[in-house]
Amino acid sequence: MSAFNVARNAFFVALSASRHPMVRNAIRNAPRIAGELVSEDNKRAALEATKRAARKAGELSAKVVPPNRYF
């Protein structure tokens, strides 16, 4: 299966799932529910952990993929 077919299939699965009423309801209520369950300290810690993980992923990808000289 080509990469295009995989990407196309993933797109259509995500599109059809996003139209499901239960998924729409969960997405609509997620910020309200998450706001009640997660404290500010935990939110800050999660943000910092996400930033660290993104930084490490960028550093690793820079080692794996050589930089393009033209862009």
PDB file of N, CA and C in Angstrom:
ATOM      1  N   MET A   1       0.845  -1.170   0.000  1.00  0.00           N
ATOM      2  CA  MET A   1       0.000   0.000   0.000  1.00  0.00           C
ATOM      3  C   MET A   1       0.897   1.241   0.000  1.00  0.00           C
ATOM      4  N   SER A   2       0.608   2.156  -0.866  1.00  0.00           N
ATOM      5  CA  SER A   2       1.449   3.346  -0.960  1.00  0.00           C
ATOM      6  C   SER A   2       1.176   4.302   0.202  1.00  0.00           C
ATOM      7  N   ALA A   3       2.095   5.206   0.397  1.00  0.00           N
ATOM      8  CA  ALA A   3       1.956   6.182   1.478  1.00  0.00           C
ATOM      9  C   ALA A   3       0.743   7.082   1.236  1.00  0.00           C
ATOM     10  N   PHE A   4       0.451   7.359  -0.020  1.00  0.00           N
ATOM     11  CA  PHE A   4      -0.710   8.183  -0.332  1.00  0.00           C
ATOM     12  C   PHE A   4      -1.999   7.494   0.099  1.00  0.00           C
ATOM     13  N   ASN A   5      -2.097   6.201  -0.179  1.00  0.00           N
ATOM     14  CA  ASN A   5      -3.309   5.470   0.210  1.00  0.00           C
ATOM     15  C   ASN A   5      -3.456   5.407   1.723  1.00  0.00           C
ATOM     16  N   VAL A   6      -2.359   5.229   2.431  1.00  0.00           N
ATOM     17  CA  VAL A   6      -2.419   5.202   3.888  1.00  0.00           C
ATOM     18  C   VAL A   6      -2.881   6.559   4.409  1.00  0.00           C
ATOM     19  N   ALA A   7      -2.327   7.641   3.883  1.00  0.00           N
ATOM     20  CA  ALA A   7      -2.713   8.986   4.321  1.00  0.00           C
ATOM     21  C   ALA A   7      -4.170   9.263   3.998  1.00  0.00           C
ATOM     22  N   ARG A   8      -4.611   8.860   2.819  1.00  0.00           N
ATOM     23  CA  ARG A   8      -6.002   9.073   2.424  1.00  0.00           C
ATOM     24  C   ARG A   8      -6.947   8.305   3.341  1.00  0.00           C
ATOM     25  N   ASN A   9      -6.612   7.052   3.626  1.00  0.00           N
ATOM     26  CA  ASN A   9      -7.467   6.249   4.498  1.00  0.00           C
ATOM     27  C   ASN A   9      -7.507   6.820   5.911  1.00  0.00           C
ATOM     28  N   ALA A  10      -6.373   7.269   6.420  1.00  0.00           N
ATOM     29  CA  ALA A  10      -6.344   7.874   7.753  1.00  0.00           C
ATOM     30  C   ALA A  10      -7.182   9.141   7.795  1.00  0.00           C
ATOM     31  N   PHE A  11      -7.131   9.919   6.730  1.00  0.00           N
ATOM     32  CA  PHE A  11      -7.938  11.138   6.659  1.00  0.00           C
ATOM     33  C   PHE A  11      -9.423  10.824   6.709  1.00  0.00           C
ATOM     34  N   PHE A  12      -9.861   9.856   5.922  1.00  0.00           N
ATOM     35  CA  PHE A  12     -11.278   9.546   5.869  1.00  0.00           C
ATOM     36  C   PHE A  12     -11.773   8.878   7.151  1.00  0.00           C
ATOM     37  N   VAL A  13     -10.934   8.099   7.810  1.00  0.00           N
ATOM     38  CA  VAL A  13     -11.322   7.530   9.103  1.00  0.00           C
ATOM     39  C   VAL A  13     -11.480   8.649  10.127  1.00  0.00           C
ATOM     40  N   ALA A  14     -10.544   9.587  10.153  1.00  0.00           N
ATOM     41  CA  ALA A  14     -10.634  10.712  11.087  1.00  0.00           C
ATOM     42  C   ALA A  14     -11.846  11.582  10.787  1.00  0.00           C
ATOM     43  N   LEU A  15     -12.118  11.790   9.515  1.00  0.00           N
ATOM     44  CA  LEU A  15     -13.267  12.600   9.130  1.00  0.00           C
ATOM     45  C   LEU A  15     -14.569  11.943   9.562  1.00  0.00           C
ATOM     46  N   SER A  16     -14.710  10.650   9.310  1.00  0.00           N
ATOM     47  CA  SER A  16     -15.952   9.974   9.685  1.00  0.00           C
ATOM     48  C   SER A  16     -16.087   9.869  11.202  1.00  0.00           C
ATOM     49  N   ALA A  17     -14.975   9.688  11.913  1.00  0.00           N
ATOM     50  CA  ALA A  17     -15.049   9.635  13.377  1.00  0.00           C
ATOM     51  C   ALA A  17     -15.432  10.994  13.949  1.00  0.00           C
ATOM     52  N   SER A  18     -14.949  12.065  13.336  1.00  0.00           N
ATOM     53  CA  SER A  18     -15.261  13.394  13.855  1.00  0.00           C
ATOM     54  C   SER A  18     -16.725  13.755  13.672  1.00  0.00           C
ATOM     55  N   ARG A  19     -17.411  13.094  12.778  1.00  0.00           N
ATOM     56  CA  ARG A  19     -18.837  13.376  12.561  1.00  0.00           C
ATOM     57  C   ARG A  19     -19.746  12.576  13.482  1.00  0.00           C
ATOM     58  N   HIS A  20     -19.187  11.639  14.229  1.00  0.00           N
ATOM     59  CA  HIS A  20     -19.990  10.813  15.122  1.00  0.00           C
ATOM     60  C   HIS A  20     -20.485  11.668  16.288  1.00  0.00           C
ATOM     61  N   PRO A  21     -21.757  11.546  16.671  1.00  0.00           N
ATOM     62  CA  PRO A  21     -22.298  12.401  17.743  1.00  0.00           C
ATOM     63  C   PRO A  21     -21.590  12.237  19.087  1.00  0.00           C
ATOM     64  N   MET A  22     -21.178  11.019  19.434  1.00  0.00           N
ATOM     65  CA  MET A  22     -20.499  10.823  20.713  1.00  0.00           C
ATOM     66  C   MET A  22     -19.126  11.506  20.714  1.00  0.00           C
ATOM     67  N   VAL A  23     -18.421  11.439  19.598  1.00  0.00           N
ATOM     68  CA  VAL A  23     -17.115  12.085  19.506  1.00  0.00           C
ATOM     69  C   VAL A  23     -17.277  13.593  19.576  1.00  0.00           C
ATOM     70  N   ARG A  24     -18.271  14.125  18.884  1.00  0.00           N
ATOM     71  CA  ARG A  24     -18.511  15.574  18.930  1.00  0.00           C
ATOM     72  C   ARG A  24     -18.839  16.038  20.347  1.00  0.00           C
ATOM     73  N   ASN A  25     -19.646  15.256  21.051  1.00  0.00           N
ATOM     74  CA  ASN A  25     -20.012  15.608  22.418  1.00  0.00           C
ATOM     75  C   ASN A  25     -18.793  15.562  23.332  1.00  0.00           C
ATOM     76  N   ALA A  26     -17.944  14.567  23.166  1.00  0.00           N
ATOM     77  CA  ALA A  26     -16.738  14.464  23.999  1.00  0.00           C
ATOM     78  C   ALA A  26     -15.799  15.631  23.742  1.00  0.00           C
ATOM     79  N   ILE A  27     -15.638  16.010  22.488  1.00  0.00           N
ATOM     80  CA  ILE A  27     -14.751  17.131  22.160  1.00  0.00           C
ATOM     81  C   ILE A  27     -15.322  18.436  22.703  1.00  0.00           C
ATOM     82  N   ARG A  28     -16.618  18.597  22.588  1.00  0.00           N
ATOM     83  CA  ARG A  28     -17.251  19.825  23.066  1.00  0.00           C
ATOM     84  C   ARG A  28     -17.116  19.970  24.577  1.00  0.00           C
ATOM     85  N   ASN A  29     -17.196  18.855  25.315  1.00  0.00           N
ATOM     86  CA  ASN A  29     -17.167  18.916  26.778  1.00  0.00           C
ATOM     87  C   ASN A  29     -15.784  18.718  27.361  1.00  0.00           C
ATOM     88  N   ALA A  30     -14.792  18.397  26.567  1.00  0.00           N
ATOM     89  CA  ALA A  30     -13.458  18.091  27.092  1.00  0.00           C
ATOM     90  C   ALA A  30     -12.836  19.258  27.855  1.00  0.00           C
ATOM     91  N   PRO A  31     -12.842  20.483  27.352  1.00  0.00           N
ATOM     92  CA  PRO A  31     -12.198  21.561  28.116  1.00  0.00           C
ATOM     93  C   PRO A  31     -12.860  21.799  29.472  1.00  0.00           C
ATOM     94  N   ARG A  32     -14.176  21.687  29.524  1.00  0.00           N
ATOM     95  CA  ARG A  32     -14.880  21.906  30.779  1.00  0.00           C
ATOM     96  C   ARG A  32     -14.535  20.807  31.777  1.00  0.00           C
ATOM     97  N   ILE A  33     -14.527  19.566  31.316  1.00  0.00           N
ATOM     98  CA  ILE A  33     -14.217  18.443  32.196  1.00  0.00           C
ATOM     99  C   ILE A  33     -12.758  18.496  32.626  1.00  0.00           C
ATOM    100  N   ALA A  34     -11.852  18.750  31.690  1.00  0.00           N
ATOM    101  CA  ALA A  34     -10.432  18.787  32.012  1.00  0.00           C
ATOM    102  C   ALA A  34     -10.125  19.935  32.964  1.00  0.00           C
ATOM    103  N   GLY A  35     -10.827  21.041  32.814  1.00  0.00           N
ATOM    104  CA  GLY A  35     -10.611  22.178  33.698  1.00  0.00           C
ATOM    105  C   GLY A  35     -10.986  21.876  35.130  1.00  0.00           C
ATOM    106  N   GLU A  36     -11.958  21.002  35.334  1.00  0.00           N
ATOM    107  CA  GLU A  36     -12.378  20.663  36.682  1.00  0.00           C
ATOM    108  C   GLU A  36     -11.468  19.611  37.311  1.00  0.00           C
ATOM    109  N   LEU A  37     -10.817  18.782  36.505  1.00  0.00           N
ATOM    110  CA  LEU A  37     -10.057  17.658  37.033  1.00  0.00           C
ATOM    111  C   LEU A  37      -8.568  17.946  37.201  1.00  0.00           C
ATOM    112  N   VAL A  38      -8.030  18.874  36.431  1.00  0.00           N
ATOM    113  CA  VAL A  38      -6.591  19.101  36.420  1.00  0.00           C
ATOM    114  C   VAL A  38      -6.278  20.445  37.079  1.00  0.00           C
ATOM    115  N   SER A  39      -5.341  20.428  38.026  1.00  0.00           N
ATOM    116  CA  SER A  39      -4.973  21.668  38.700  1.00  0.00           C
ATOM    117  C   SER A  39      -4.020  22.477  37.825  1.00  0.00           C
ATOM    118  N   GLU A  40      -3.817  23.720  38.208  1.00  0.00           N
ATOM    119  CA  GLU A  40      -2.922  24.603  37.453  1.00  0.00           C
ATOM    120  C   GLU A  40      -1.483  24.103  37.485  1.00  0.00           C
ATOM    121  N   ASP A  41      -1.050  23.569  38.621  1.00  0.00           N
ATOM    122  CA  ASP A  41       0.318  23.045  38.718  1.00  0.00           C
ATOM    123  C   ASP A  41       0.514  21.867  37.771  1.00  0.00           C
ATOM    124  N   ASN A  42      -0.477  20.996  37.696  1.00  0.00           N
ATOM    125  CA  ASN A  42      -0.379  19.855  36.785  1.00  0.00           C
ATOM    126  C   ASN A  42      -0.398  20.303  35.328  1.00  0.00           C
ATOM    127  N   LYS A  43      -1.174  21.326  35.022  1.00  0.00           N
ATOM    128  CA  LYS A  43      -1.201  21.852  33.652  1.00  0.00           C
ATOM    129  C   LYS A  43       0.166  22.414  33.269  1.00  0.00           C
ATOM    130  N   ARG A  44       0.783  23.171  34.189  1.00  0.00           N
ATOM    131  CA  ARG A  44       2.102  23.727  33.923  1.00  0.00           C
ATOM    132  C   ARG A  44       3.138  22.625  33.754  1.00  0.00           C
ATOM    133  N   ALA A  45       3.068  21.604  34.591  1.00  0.00           N
ATOM    134  CA  ALA A  45       4.008  20.491  34.494  1.00  0.00           C
ATOM    135  C   ALA A  45       3.829  19.748  33.170  1.00  0.00           C
ATOM    136  N   ALA A  46       2.586  19.564  32.747  1.00  0.00           N
ATOM    137  CA  ALA A  46       2.325  18.889  31.468  1.00  0.00           C
ATOM    138  C   ALA A  46       2.836  19.723  30.307  1.00  0.00           C
ATOM    139  N   LEU A  47       2.676  21.034  30.379  1.00  0.00           N
ATOM    140  CA  LEU A  47       3.169  21.917  29.323  1.00  0.00           C
ATOM    141  C   LEU A  47       4.685  21.850  29.230  1.00  0.00           C
ATOM    142  N   GLU A  48       5.357  21.885  30.368  1.00  0.00           N
ATOM    143  CA  GLU A  48       6.821  21.810  30.367  1.00  0.00           C
ATOM    144  C   GLU A  48       7.310  20.459  29.847  1.00  0.00           C
ATOM    145  N   ALA A  49       6.630  19.390  30.222  1.00  0.00           N
ATOM    146  CA  ALA A  49       7.012  18.061  29.736  1.00  0.00           C
ATOM    147  C   ALA A  49       6.813  17.957  28.230  1.00  0.00           C
ATOM    148  N   THR A  50       5.742  18.555  27.726  1.00  0.00           N
ATOM    149  CA  THR A  50       5.480  18.546  26.291  1.00  0.00           C
ATOM    150  C   THR A  50       6.551  19.331  25.544  1.00  0.00           C
ATOM    151  N   LYS A  51       6.929  20.478  26.088  1.00  0.00           N
ATOM    152  CA  LYS A  51       7.982  21.278  25.458  1.00  0.00           C
ATOM    153  C   LYS A  51       9.307  20.527  25.431  1.00  0.00           C
ATOM    154  N   ARG A  52       9.638  19.844  26.559  1.00  0.00           N
ATOM    155  CA  ARG A  52      10.878  19.066  26.621  1.00  0.00           C
ATOM    156  C   ARG A  52      10.860  17.935  25.598  1.00  0.00           C
ATOM    157  N   ALA A  53       9.719  17.242  25.499  1.00  0.00           N
ATOM    158  CA  ALA A  53       9.613  16.128  24.549  1.00  0.00           C
ATOM    159  C   ALA A  53       9.730  16.622  23.115  1.00  0.00           C
ATOM    160  N   ALA A  54       9.108  17.774  22.807  1.00  0.00           N
ATOM    161  CA  ALA A  54       9.198  18.329  21.459  1.00  0.00           C
ATOM    162  C   ALA A  54      10.631  18.745  21.145  1.00  0.00           C
ATOM    163  N   ARG A  55      11.305  19.309  22.118  1.00  0.00           N
ATOM    164  CA  ARG A  55      12.698  19.715  21.915  1.00  0.00           C
ATOM    165  C   ARG A  55      13.587  18.502  21.638  1.00  0.00           C
ATOM    166  N   LYS A  56      13.401  17.435  22.434  1.00  0.00           N
ATOM    167  CA  LYS A  56      14.191  16.218  22.242  1.00  0.00           C
ATOM    168  C   LYS A  56      13.890  15.581  20.896  1.00  0.00           C
ATOM    169  N   ALA A  57      12.610  15.605  20.481  1.00  0.00           N
ATOM    170  CA  ALA A  57      12.250  15.044  19.177  1.00  0.00           C
ATOM    171  C   ALA A  57      12.900  15.840  18.055  1.00  0.00           C
ATOM    172  N   GLY A  58      12.950  17.165  18.200  1.00  0.00           N
ATOM    173  CA  GLY A  58      13.608  18.000  17.202  1.00  0.00           C
ATOM    174  C   GLY A  58      15.097  17.736  17.130  1.00  0.00           C
ATOM    175  N   GLU A  59      15.712  17.567  18.291  1.00  0.00           N
ATOM    176  CA  GLU A  59      17.144  17.275  18.305  1.00  0.00           C
ATOM    177  C   GLU A  59      17.436  15.920  17.666  1.00  0.00           C
ATOM    178  N   LEU A  60      16.600  14.932  17.965  1.00  0.00           N
ATOM    179  CA  LEU A  60      16.788  13.602  17.386  1.00  0.00           C
ATOM    180  C   LEU A  60      16.574  13.615  15.881  1.00  0.00           C
ATOM    181  N   SER A  61      15.544  14.331  15.425  1.00  0.00           N
ATOM    182  CA  SER A  61      15.301  14.385  13.980  1.00  0.00           C
ATOM    183  C   SER A  61      16.417  15.135  13.262  1.00  0.00           C
ATOM    184  N   ALA A  62      17.023  16.112  13.925  1.00  0.00           N
ATOM    185  CA  ALA A  62      18.151  16.822  13.315  1.00  0.00           C
ATOM    186  C   ALA A  62      19.354  15.906  13.156  1.00  0.00           C
ATOM    187  N   LYS A  63      19.500  14.945  14.050  1.00  0.00           N
ATOM    188  CA  LYS A  63      20.589  13.990  13.921  1.00  0.00           C
ATOM    189  C   LYS A  63      20.320  12.977  12.823  1.00  0.00           C
ATOM    190  N   VAL A  64      19.061  12.583  12.665  1.00  0.00           N
ATOM    191  CA  VAL A  64      18.692  11.544  11.703  1.00  0.00           C
ATOM    192  C   VAL A  64      18.609  12.107  10.293  1.00  0.00           C
ATOM    193  N   VAL A  65      17.950  13.262  10.147  1.00  0.00           N
ATOM    194  CA  VAL A  65      17.749  13.867   8.832  1.00  0.00           C
ATOM    195  C   VAL A  65      18.729  15.011   8.678  1.00  0.00           C
ATOM    196  N   PRO A  66      19.575  14.967   7.682  1.00  0.00           N
ATOM    197  CA  PRO A  66      20.523  16.071   7.516  1.00  0.00           C
ATOM    198  C   PRO A  66      19.796  17.357   7.112  1.00  0.00           C
ATOM    199  N   PRO A  67      20.294  18.499   7.520  1.00  0.00           N
ATOM    200  CA  PRO A  67      19.639  19.763   7.179  1.00  0.00           C
ATOM    201  C   PRO A  67      19.721  20.033   5.672  1.00  0.00           C
ATOM    202  N   ASN A  68      18.701  20.675   5.168  1.00  0.00           N
ATOM    203  CA  ASN A  68      18.650  21.029   3.753  1.00  0.00           C
ATOM    204  C   ASN A  68      19.354  22.378   3.580  1.00  0.00           C
ATOM    205  N   ARG A  69      20.272  22.461   2.687  1.00  0.00           N
ATOM    206  CA  ARG A  69      21.046  23.681   2.509  1.00  0.00           C
ATOM    207  C   ARG A  69      20.258  24.786   1.807  1.00  0.00           C
ATOM    208  N   TYR A  70      19.185  24.436   1.120  1.00  0.00           N
ATOM    209  CA  TYR A  70      18.486  25.408   0.282  1.00  0.00           C
ATOM    210  C   TYR A  70      17.286  26.044   0.976  1.00  0.00           C
ATOM    211  N   PHE A  71      16.864  25.510   2.114  1.00  0.00           N
ATOM    212  CA  PHE A  71      15.681  26.077   2.793  1.00  0.00           C
ATOM    213  C   PHE A  71      16.004  26.433   4.199  1.00  0.00           C
TER     214      PHE A  71
END
